Amino acid sequence: MSLRLSDLSACFEGVIPSIIATASADGMPNVSYLSHVVRVDEEHVALSNQFFAKTAANVRANPKVTLILVDGLTGDQFLLDIGFIRAVDAGPLFDKIARQLKASSAQIGMSDVMRLRSADIYRVYGIEKVPSPVETAPAADSRAPVSLPALSEAIKAIEQDAVADEIIDTLLGAIKRVLGYDNALVLIRDSNRDCLITTGSIGYEHSGLGSEVAGSEGLIGAAATSGQTIKVSDMSRVRRFGEAIGLETEGSENLTRTVAFPQLAAAMSQIAVPMTARGTVTGVLFVESTARLAFREEDEAALEILASQAGGALRASEWEAASTEPRQAAPVPEPAAAGREVRVAHHSFDDSVFVNGAYVVKGVAGMLLRLMLEWHLSEGRSEFTNRELRLAAGARMPEIKDNLETRLLLLRRRLEEKQAPIRLVRIGRGRVRLDVDGHLNLEAAARDHP
């Protein structure tokens, strides 16, 4: 073959549907559209089999098939002569296509309809470019290749960072500096509540810190549960996932405790990359772009390297912070601001915290704030260690194991973002200080549910 499957990489991104042409045993033709075609290697492709009973029957009767692929960047079309080999309904290849299909279809509310029946594997016997009556434009990608020295420098910087906020900020900075993407999020997994919580972001009008994604929803949830990178290269074919996320509510403590998920209204490409440490997914790096086919193979590989490095660094920072010995600080009650009351309400059913009526945070981060405020009131203390917080939180919530550092980071940034009269300041490795600007009044919710 003069053309190779690797030359057609832009045809496998799902931007423009592929077409499969089959014929029955008596020669009756049939044409169907395909949602996913995957390059297996240089000689084989895998086609998603979802609804096409007629196509499947034709292939069994006559395995000679024609496949039309379209380059999503240039519009070039290619005819492939292929022959059916086998169908697989389990294994890595099937799982890869099923995850992509589920993540994409969930965004248009069809995850229960568009289920993969099988991944049908075909051998490619020939590739022919379809002549065009007009000259097609070359692929419009003006970006330079990924700089390996710049990528190496970013990896080293993440490795040298000692605390969670530095690691996350360095990771997001590398996304922009090394790869040129302006919009990115870091979401940390909360196994207690089976969700992922936005803990860092760049490029959005609203940071979205504290916004949540259910543990199996959309691209982000699929990446977290599978441990594999998931991407969509043309969002014009699917509904923006963030639109289904609730909006933040302000003021009343009887309203739902939610933070708006960051929005890039013109997003065309999205990619979710798992952050792993010793085989365990601890979070997800989510990047999006207004360009179609934004994430090249080399970009995807670079994102996976950076996400993995950050995942390992976050795990190491947890161990180091947890090893810090508790230090008994002398009670030094701080004078309250004259006439100013800081009213904090804690709701035990979801550990949500409101400061002067404004929602701040919930879950483990909310419970940690409540603990520190209780100690501040009862013992006059303002300094705390990760180790004692972990021990105290573990007694109340035995499931808590990791990510204490990132929960404290989320709490600190949410307090700053809400301009609350309570601040959390990192004063050393594994140590924080609680500052309260006023007379603290800690209230327990009168009832367990809103």
Protein backbone atom coordinates (compact mmCIF):
# COMPACT_ATOMS: atom_id res chain seq x y z
CA MET A 1 0.00 0.00 0.00
CA SER A 2 1.33 3.43 -0.88
CA LEU A 3 -0.63 4.92 2.03
CA ARG A 4 -0.41 3.62 5.58
CA LEU A 5 -3.03 3.75 8.31
CA SER A 6 -0.68 5.87 10.40
CA ASP A 7 -0.87 8.49 7.63
CA LEU A 8 -4.60 8.84 8.28
CA SER A 9 -4.46 9.75 11.99
CA ALA A 10 -6.92 12.65 11.62
CA CYS A 11 -9.49 10.24 10.17
CA PHE A 12 -9.75 8.31 13.44
CA GLU A 13 -10.75 11.22 15.68
CA GLY A 14 -14.50 10.93 15.04
CA VAL A 15 -14.87 14.49 13.75
CA ILE A 16 -16.61 13.36 10.54
CA PRO A 17 -18.52 10.06 10.62
CA SER A 18 -17.09 7.19 8.59
CA ILE A 19 -19.20 5.20 6.12
CA ILE A 20 -19.31 1.44 5.72
CA ALA A 21 -20.64 -0.14 2.52
CA THR A 22 -21.63 -3.80 2.51
CA ALA A 23 -23.57 -6.16 0.26
CA SER A 24 -25.80 -9.11 1.00
CA ALA A 25 -25.17 -12.59 -0.40
CA ASP A 26 -27.32 -11.75 -3.45
CA GLY A 27 -25.55 -8.43 -4.05
CA MET A 28 -27.99 -5.96 -2.49
CA PRO A 29 -25.90 -2.99 -1.23
CA ASN A 30 -26.28 -1.29 2.15
CA VAL A 31 -24.61 1.85 3.50
CA SER A 32 -24.36 2.89 7.17
CA TYR A 33 -22.57 5.52 9.22
CA LEU A 34 -20.10 4.58 11.93
CA SER A 35 -19.49 6.52 15.14
CA HIS A 36 -16.04 5.09 15.86
CA VAL A 37 -13.23 3.62 13.77
CA VAL A 38 -10.01 2.79 15.59
CA ARG A 39 -6.60 2.03 14.11
CA VAL A 40 -5.40 -1.19 15.72
CA ASP A 41 -2.08 -1.35 13.87
CA GLU A 42 -0.81 -0.76 10.33
CA GLU A 43 -2.90 -3.63 8.95
CA HIS A 44 -6.08 -3.65 11.02
CA VAL A 45 -8.94 -1.35 12.04
CA ALA A 46 -11.74 -1.88 14.55
CA LEU A 47 -15.28 -0.66 13.88
CA SER A 48 -17.90 0.02 16.54
CA ASN A 49 -20.97 -2.18 16.22
CA GLN A 50 -23.98 -0.58 17.90
CA PHE A 51 -27.21 -0.74 15.95
CA PHE A 52 -26.42 -2.16 12.51
CA ALA A 53 -28.18 -5.51 12.25
CA LYS A 54 -28.34 -5.29 8.45
CA THR A 55 -24.65 -4.41 8.17
CA ALA A 56 -23.70 -7.23 10.53
CA ALA A 57 -25.78 -9.74 8.55
CA ASN A 58 -24.21 -8.60 5.27
CA VAL A 59 -20.68 -8.86 6.66
CA ARG A 60 -21.29 -12.43 7.83
CA ALA A 61 -22.62 -13.35 4.39
CA ASN A 62 -20.05 -11.33 2.41
CA PRO A 63 -16.96 -10.26 4.39
CA LYS A 64 -15.64 -7.95 1.65
CA VAL A 65 -16.37 -4.41 2.79
CA THR A 66 -15.59 -0.85 1.68
CA LEU A 67 -14.90 1.78 4.30
CA ILE A 68 -14.80 5.54 3.67
CA LEU A 69 -12.73 7.65 6.05
CA VAL A 70 -12.66 11.46 6.06
CA ASP A 71 -9.81 13.61 7.30
CA GLY A 72 -11.26 15.97 9.88
CA LEU A 73 -8.72 18.69 9.09
CA THR A 74 -8.55 18.72 5.31
CA GLY A 75 -11.75 16.96 4.22
CA ASP A 76 -9.75 14.42 2.19
CA GLN A 77 -11.55 11.12 1.69
CA PHE A 78 -10.04 7.65 1.59
CA LEU A 79 -11.46 4.36 0.36
CA LEU A 80 -10.34 1.30 2.29
CA ASP A 81 -10.82 -2.27 1.07
CA ILE A 82 -11.26 -4.29 4.21
CA GLY A 83 -12.23 -7.80 5.18
CA PHE A 84 -13.97 -8.96 8.35
CA ILE A 85 -11.87 -11.10 10.69
CA ARG A 86 -13.68 -11.36 14.01
CA ALA A 87 -15.84 -9.55 16.55
CA VAL A 88 -14.74 -9.04 20.14
CA ASP A 89 -17.05 -8.17 23.02
CA ALA A 90 -14.44 -8.08 25.78
CA GLY A 91 -10.83 -7.15 26.30
CA PRO A 92 -8.72 -3.95 26.10
CA LEU A 93 -9.75 -2.97 22.56
CA PHE A 94 -13.46 -3.41 23.27
CA ASP A 95 -13.12 -1.52 26.56
CA LYS A 96 -11.30 1.37 24.85
CA ILE A 97 -14.04 1.87 22.24
CA ALA A 98 -16.82 1.35 24.80
CA ARG A 99 -15.34 3.99 27.13
CA GLN A 100 -15.05 6.52 24.33
CA LEU A 101 -18.59 5.80 23.15
CA LYS A 102 -20.03 6.03 26.65
CA ALA A 103 -18.22 9.26 27.45
CA SER A 104 -19.31 10.90 24.21
CA SER A 105 -22.91 9.68 24.26
CA ALA A 106 -23.35 10.66 27.93
CA GLN A 107 -22.95 14.27 26.88
CA ILE A 108 -26.06 14.05 24.69
CA GLY A 109 -28.05 11.99 27.18
CA MET A 110 -27.80 8.70 25.25
CA SER A 111 -25.40 6.67 27.39
CA ASP A 112 -28.11 4.05 27.98
CA VAL A 113 -28.95 3.85 24.26
CA MET A 114 -25.61 3.94 22.46
CA ARG A 115 -24.12 0.80 23.94
CA LEU A 116 -21.36 -1.05 22.14
CA ARG A 117 -22.31 -4.55 21.06
CA SER A 118 -18.90 -5.50 19.76
CA ALA A 119 -15.69 -4.18 18.29
CA ASP A 120 -15.43 -5.69 14.80
CA ILE A 121 -11.87 -6.16 13.59
CA TYR A 122 -11.08 -5.93 9.88
CA ARG A 123 -7.92 -6.46 7.89
CA VAL A 124 -7.01 -3.61 5.53
CA TYR A 125 -6.08 -4.78 2.02
CA GLY A 126 -5.83 -1.43 0.28
CA ILE A 127 -6.07 2.32 0.81
CA GLU A 128 -6.94 4.75 -1.98
CA LYS A 129 -7.32 8.50 -1.77
CA VAL A 130 -10.50 9.70 -3.44
CA PRO A 131 -9.72 12.24 -6.21
CA SER A 132 -11.13 15.66 -5.43
CA PRO A 133 -12.48 18.07 -8.08
CA VAL A 134 -10.93 20.91 -6.06
CA GLU A 135 -7.59 21.21 -4.37
CA THR A 136 -7.92 20.51 -0.64
CA ALA A 137 -6.10 22.70 1.85
CA PRO A 138 -3.25 21.25 3.86
CA ALA A 139 -3.86 20.53 7.50
CA ALA A 140 -4.04 23.85 9.34
CA ASP A 141 -1.85 23.19 12.37
CA SER A 142 0.59 26.00 12.92
CA ARG A 143 1.74 24.75 16.31
CA ALA A 144 5.31 23.64 16.73
CA PRO A 145 6.05 20.09 17.87
CA VAL A 146 6.20 19.47 21.60
CA SER A 147 9.57 20.63 22.92
CA LEU A 148 11.21 17.72 24.71
CA PRO A 149 13.60 20.00 26.66
CA ALA A 150 10.64 22.10 27.85
CA LEU A 151 8.71 18.96 28.78
CA SER A 152 11.72 17.62 30.69
CA GLU A 153 12.07 20.92 32.55
CA ALA A 154 8.40 20.81 33.56
CA ILE A 155 8.72 17.24 34.82
CA LYS A 156 11.73 18.18 36.95
CA ALA A 157 9.88 21.21 38.35
CA ILE A 158 6.92 19.06 39.42
CA GLU A 159 9.29 16.54 40.99
CA GLN A 160 10.97 19.28 43.04
CA ASP A 161 7.72 20.75 44.35
CA ALA A 162 7.03 19.72 47.93
CA VAL A 163 3.41 20.68 48.58
CA ALA A 164 0.10 20.21 46.82
CA ASP A 165 -0.51 23.81 45.77
CA GLU A 166 2.93 24.07 44.15
CA ILE A 167 2.50 20.74 42.35
CA ILE A 168 -0.92 21.63 40.93
CA ASP A 169 0.12 25.16 39.95
CA THR A 170 3.29 23.88 38.25
CA LEU A 171 1.29 21.26 36.35
CA LEU A 172 -1.23 23.81 35.10
CA GLY A 173 1.57 26.23 34.21
CA ALA A 174 3.25 23.51 32.15
CA ILE A 175 0.02 22.86 30.23
CA LYS A 176 0.02 26.47 29.11
CA ARG A 177 3.78 26.97 28.67
CA VAL A 178 4.83 23.66 27.10
CA LEU A 179 1.69 22.70 25.17
CA GLY A 180 0.02 26.07 24.64
CA TYR A 181 -3.40 25.21 26.07
CA ASP A 182 -5.16 27.99 27.97
CA ASN A 183 -7.98 26.10 29.72
CA ALA A 184 -7.28 23.28 32.14
CA LEU A 185 -8.53 21.83 35.42
CA VAL A 186 -7.15 19.49 38.05
CA LEU A 187 -9.79 17.40 39.81
CA ILE A 188 -8.91 15.33 42.87
CA ARG A 189 -10.76 12.10 43.59
CA ASP A 190 -12.89 11.91 46.74
CA SER A 191 -13.50 8.22 47.32
CA ASN A 192 -15.69 8.94 50.37
CA ARG A 193 -18.33 10.61 48.21
CA ASP A 194 -17.46 8.95 44.87
CA CYS A 195 -16.80 12.18 43.03
CA LEU A 196 -13.99 14.36 41.69
CA ILE A 197 -13.51 17.87 43.05
CA THR A 198 -11.98 20.77 41.13
CA THR A 199 -8.88 21.83 43.07
CA GLY A 200 -6.99 23.87 40.46
CA SER A 201 -7.87 25.71 37.24
CA ILE A 202 -6.54 28.14 34.65
CA GLY A 203 -8.16 30.12 31.87
CA TYR A 204 -11.77 30.36 33.11
CA GLU A 205 -13.77 33.41 34.07
CA HIS A 206 -14.86 31.55 37.20
CA SER A 207 -12.31 29.21 38.75
CA GLY A 208 -14.84 26.49 39.60
CA LEU A 209 -12.87 25.52 42.71
CA GLY A 210 -15.00 23.08 44.67
CA SER A 211 -17.18 22.08 41.71
CA GLU A 212 -17.81 18.37 41.46
CA VAL A 213 -18.20 15.65 38.87
CA ALA A 214 -19.80 12.32 39.75
CA GLY A 215 -17.31 9.47 39.78
CA SER A 216 -18.48 7.90 36.52
CA GLU A 217 -19.91 10.86 34.57
CA GLY A 218 -18.69 12.02 31.16
CA LEU A 219 -15.09 12.18 30.02
CA ILE A 220 -13.75 13.02 33.47
CA GLY A 221 -15.55 10.20 35.24
CA ALA A 222 -14.67 7.72 32.49
CA ALA A 223 -10.99 8.59 32.78
CA ALA A 224 -11.10 8.23 36.56
CA THR A 225 -12.86 4.87 36.60
CA SER A 226 -10.92 3.32 33.72
CA GLY A 227 -7.49 4.80 34.37
CA GLN A 228 -7.28 5.58 30.64
CA THR A 229 -7.17 8.84 28.69
CA ILE A 230 -10.49 9.79 27.06
CA LYS A 231 -10.93 12.54 24.48
CA VAL A 232 -13.47 14.11 22.15
CA SER A 233 -12.15 15.95 19.11
CA ASP A 234 -15.28 17.71 17.89
CA MET A 235 -17.67 19.00 20.52
CA SER A 236 -20.07 20.29 17.88
CA ARG A 237 -21.34 16.70 17.75
CA VAL A 238 -22.07 16.47 21.46
CA ARG A 239 -23.55 18.61 24.19
CA ARG A 240 -21.16 20.42 26.51
CA PHE A 241 -20.86 18.31 29.66
CA GLY A 242 -20.54 21.30 31.97
CA GLU A 243 -24.03 22.51 31.10
CA ALA A 244 -25.44 19.62 33.10
CA ILE A 245 -23.56 20.67 36.24
CA GLY A 246 -25.49 22.73 38.80
CA LEU A 247 -24.91 26.44 39.34
CA GLU A 248 -23.45 27.81 42.56
CA THR A 249 -25.98 29.07 45.05
CA GLU A 250 -25.24 32.01 47.30
CA GLY A 251 -26.71 33.25 50.53
CA SER A 252 -29.34 30.96 51.97
CA GLU A 253 -28.09 27.93 53.85
CA ASN A 254 -31.21 26.04 52.77
CA LEU A 255 -30.16 25.96 49.11
CA THR A 256 -28.23 23.19 47.39
CA ARG A 257 -24.50 23.27 48.08
CA THR A 258 -23.01 23.39 44.59
CA VAL A 259 -20.32 25.29 42.73
CA ALA A 260 -20.60 25.97 39.00
CA PHE A 261 -18.36 23.81 36.85
CA PRO A 262 -16.06 26.04 34.73
CA GLN A 263 -17.43 26.79 31.27
CA LEU A 264 -15.62 27.18 27.96
CA ALA A 265 -18.67 27.85 25.82
CA ALA A 266 -16.87 27.46 22.48
CA ALA A 267 -15.01 24.27 23.41
CA MET A 268 -14.51 21.92 20.46
CA SER A 269 -11.93 19.48 21.85
CA GLN A 270 -11.71 17.95 25.34
CA ILE A 271 -9.35 15.45 26.90
CA ALA A 272 -9.38 13.85 30.35
CA VAL A 273 -6.13 12.30 31.57
CA PRO A 274 -5.98 10.21 34.77
CA MET A 275 -3.43 11.18 37.41
CA THR A 276 -2.08 7.97 38.86
CA ALA A 277 0.25 6.97 41.68
CA ARG A 278 1.32 3.35 42.08
CA GLY A 279 -1.52 2.20 39.86
CA THR A 280 -4.21 4.16 41.73
CA VAL A 281 -6.08 7.04 40.11
CA THR A 282 -5.94 10.01 42.51
CA GLY A 283 -7.32 12.65 40.16
CA VAL A 284 -7.89 13.76 36.58
CA LEU A 285 -6.26 16.42 34.44
CA PHE A 286 -8.91 17.94 32.15
CA VAL A 287 -7.93 20.17 29.21
CA GLU A 288 -10.11 21.72 26.53
CA SER A 289 -9.66 23.88 23.46
CA THR A 290 -11.76 25.90 21.05
CA ALA A 291 -10.04 24.15 18.11
CA ARG A 292 -11.20 20.92 16.52
CA LEU A 293 -8.68 18.07 16.62
CA ALA A 294 -6.64 20.07 19.12
CA PHE A 295 -4.94 17.15 20.81
CA ARG A 296 -2.34 15.48 18.61
CA GLU A 297 -0.87 12.10 19.52
CA GLU A 298 2.25 13.81 20.85
CA ASP A 299 0.13 16.22 22.93
CA GLU A 300 -1.78 13.32 24.42
CA ALA A 301 1.47 11.55 25.31
CA ALA A 302 2.91 14.71 26.90
CA LEU A 303 -0.25 15.25 28.96
CA GLU A 304 -0.11 11.67 30.20
CA ILE A 305 3.52 12.11 31.26
CA LEU A 306 2.79 15.36 33.12
CA ALA A 307 -0.35 13.99 34.79
CA SER A 308 1.45 10.86 35.94
CA GLN A 309 4.34 12.89 37.34
CA ALA A 310 1.94 15.16 39.22
CA GLY A 311 -0.02 12.20 40.58
CA GLY A 312 3.14 10.67 41.99
CA ALA A 313 4.31 13.99 43.42
CA LEU A 314 0.98 14.56 45.17
CA ARG A 315 1.16 11.12 46.75
CA ALA A 316 4.71 11.81 47.95
CA SER A 317 3.66 15.17 49.42
CA GLU A 318 0.91 13.42 51.40
CA TRP A 319 3.40 11.01 52.97
CA GLU A 320 5.83 13.77 53.84
CA ALA A 321 3.16 16.00 55.37
CA ALA A 322 1.69 13.08 57.31
CA SER A 323 5.07 12.33 58.90
CA THR A 324 5.32 15.77 60.50
CA GLU A 325 5.21 15.37 64.27
CA PRO A 326 2.43 17.14 66.14
CA ARG A 327 3.61 20.20 68.00
CA GLN A 328 1.74 21.52 70.97
CA ALA A 329 1.34 25.22 70.49
CA ALA A 330 0.71 27.44 73.49
CA PRO A 331 -2.83 28.78 73.50
CA VAL A 332 -2.70 32.34 72.25
CA PRO A 333 -6.25 33.60 71.78
CA GLU A 334 -6.31 36.37 69.24
CA PRO A 335 -8.32 39.51 70.03
CA ALA A 336 -11.57 39.66 68.14
CA ALA A 337 -12.30 42.55 65.86
CA ALA A 338 -14.53 44.98 67.69
CA GLY A 339 -18.20 44.45 66.99
CA ARG A 340 -17.63 41.92 64.21
CA GLU A 341 -19.16 38.47 64.41
CA VAL A 342 -18.00 35.59 62.22
CA ARG A 343 -20.92 33.19 62.05
CA VAL A 344 -20.05 29.69 60.86
CA ALA A 345 -22.75 27.08 60.31
CA HIS A 346 -21.86 23.40 59.88
CA HIS A 347 -24.31 20.82 58.51
CA SER A 348 -23.33 17.34 59.62
CA PHE A 349 -25.22 15.38 56.93
CA ASP A 350 -22.80 16.52 54.21
CA ASP A 351 -20.21 18.46 56.28
CA SER A 352 -21.09 21.62 54.40
CA VAL A 353 -19.90 24.91 55.89
CA PHE A 354 -21.39 28.39 55.50
CA VAL A 355 -19.61 31.53 56.67
CA ASN A 356 -21.91 34.47 57.35
CA GLY A 357 -24.55 32.74 55.23
CA ALA A 358 -22.33 32.10 52.18
CA TYR A 359 -21.55 28.53 51.13
CA VAL A 360 -17.83 27.72 51.24
CA VAL A 361 -17.15 23.99 51.04
CA LYS A 362 -18.42 20.55 51.98
CA GLY A 363 -17.21 16.99 52.48
CA VAL A 364 -13.85 16.28 54.09
CA ALA A 365 -12.68 19.87 53.62
CA GLY A 366 -15.74 21.11 55.52
CA MET A 367 -15.16 18.63 58.30
CA LEU A 368 -11.51 19.73 58.61
CA LEU A 369 -12.55 23.37 58.94
CA ARG A 370 -15.05 22.46 61.63
CA LEU A 371 -12.35 20.53 63.55
CA MET A 372 -9.93 23.44 63.50
CA LEU A 373 -12.63 25.90 64.54
CA GLU A 374 -13.65 23.66 67.44
CA TRP A 375 -10.04 23.41 68.64
CA HIS A 376 -9.62 27.15 68.18
CA LEU A 377 -12.61 27.81 70.43
CA SER A 378 -11.98 25.14 73.06
CA GLU A 379 -8.19 25.30 73.32
CA GLY A 380 -7.33 28.75 71.99
CA ARG A 381 -5.13 27.18 69.32
CA SER A 382 -4.47 28.52 65.85
CA GLU A 383 -1.76 26.17 64.52
CA PHE A 384 -2.37 22.58 63.45
CA THR A 385 -0.50 19.74 61.78
CA ASN A 386 -1.66 17.46 59.00
CA ARG A 387 -0.92 14.49 61.19
CA GLU A 388 -3.28 15.46 64.01
CA LEU A 389 -5.94 16.49 61.50
CA ARG A 390 -5.63 13.12 59.78
CA LEU A 391 -5.94 11.26 63.09
CA ALA A 392 -8.92 13.30 64.23
CA ALA A 393 -10.66 13.11 60.86
CA GLY A 394 -10.01 9.38 60.67
CA ALA A 395 -11.77 8.87 63.99
CA ARG A 396 -14.89 10.57 62.61
CA MET A 397 -14.60 9.33 59.04
CA PRO A 398 -12.66 6.03 58.98
CA GLU A 399 -12.68 5.89 55.19
CA ILE A 400 -10.35 8.88 54.86
CA LYS A 401 -6.87 7.82 53.74
CA ASP A 402 -5.22 10.12 51.24
CA ASN A 403 -5.48 13.59 49.72
CA LEU A 404 -5.59 15.47 53.02
CA GLU A 405 -3.15 17.99 51.56
CA THR A 406 -5.37 18.64 48.56
CA ARG A 407 -8.46 18.97 50.78
CA LEU A 408 -6.67 21.62 52.85
CA LEU A 409 -5.59 23.32 49.62
CA LEU A 410 -9.19 23.38 48.38
CA LEU A 411 -10.36 24.76 51.71
CA ARG A 412 -7.71 27.50 51.71
CA ARG A 413 -8.47 28.58 48.16
CA ARG A 414 -12.23 28.54 48.65
CA LEU A 415 -11.89 30.75 51.74
CA GLU A 416 -9.72 33.15 49.75
CA GLU A 417 -12.07 33.12 46.76
CA LYS A 418 -15.10 33.86 48.95
CA GLN A 419 -13.14 36.59 50.77
CA ALA A 420 -14.20 35.02 54.04
CA PRO A 421 -13.13 36.47 57.40
CA ILE A 422 -11.43 33.12 58.02
CA ARG A 423 -8.08 32.29 56.41
CA LEU A 424 -5.95 29.17 56.32
CA VAL A 425 -2.23 29.84 55.98
CA ARG A 426 0.46 27.22 55.30
CA ILE A 427 3.32 27.92 57.72
CA GLY A 428 5.53 24.93 56.93
CA ARG A 429 5.50 21.39 55.66
CA GLY A 430 2.48 19.67 57.16
CA ARG A 431 1.50 22.73 59.23
CA VAL A 432 -1.25 25.32 58.84
CA ARG A 433 -2.47 28.34 60.79
CA LEU A 434 -6.10 29.37 61.16
CA ASP A 435 -6.81 33.12 61.24
CA VAL A 436 -10.24 34.38 62.23
CA ASP A 437 -10.97 38.07 61.71
CA GLY A 438 -13.66 38.63 64.31
CA HIS A 439 -15.59 36.97 67.11
CA LEU A 440 -16.21 33.35 66.12
CA ASN A 441 -19.67 31.89 66.52
CA LEU A 442 -19.72 28.20 65.48
CA GLU A 443 -23.22 26.83 64.99
CA ALA A 444 -24.35 23.28 64.41
CA ALA A 445 -27.18 22.95 61.93
CA ALA A 446 -30.55 22.59 63.59
CA ARG A 447 -31.49 19.71 61.27
CA ASP A 448 -29.62 17.11 59.26
CA HIS A 449 -31.12 17.83 55.82
CA PRO A 450 -31.79 21.01 53.88
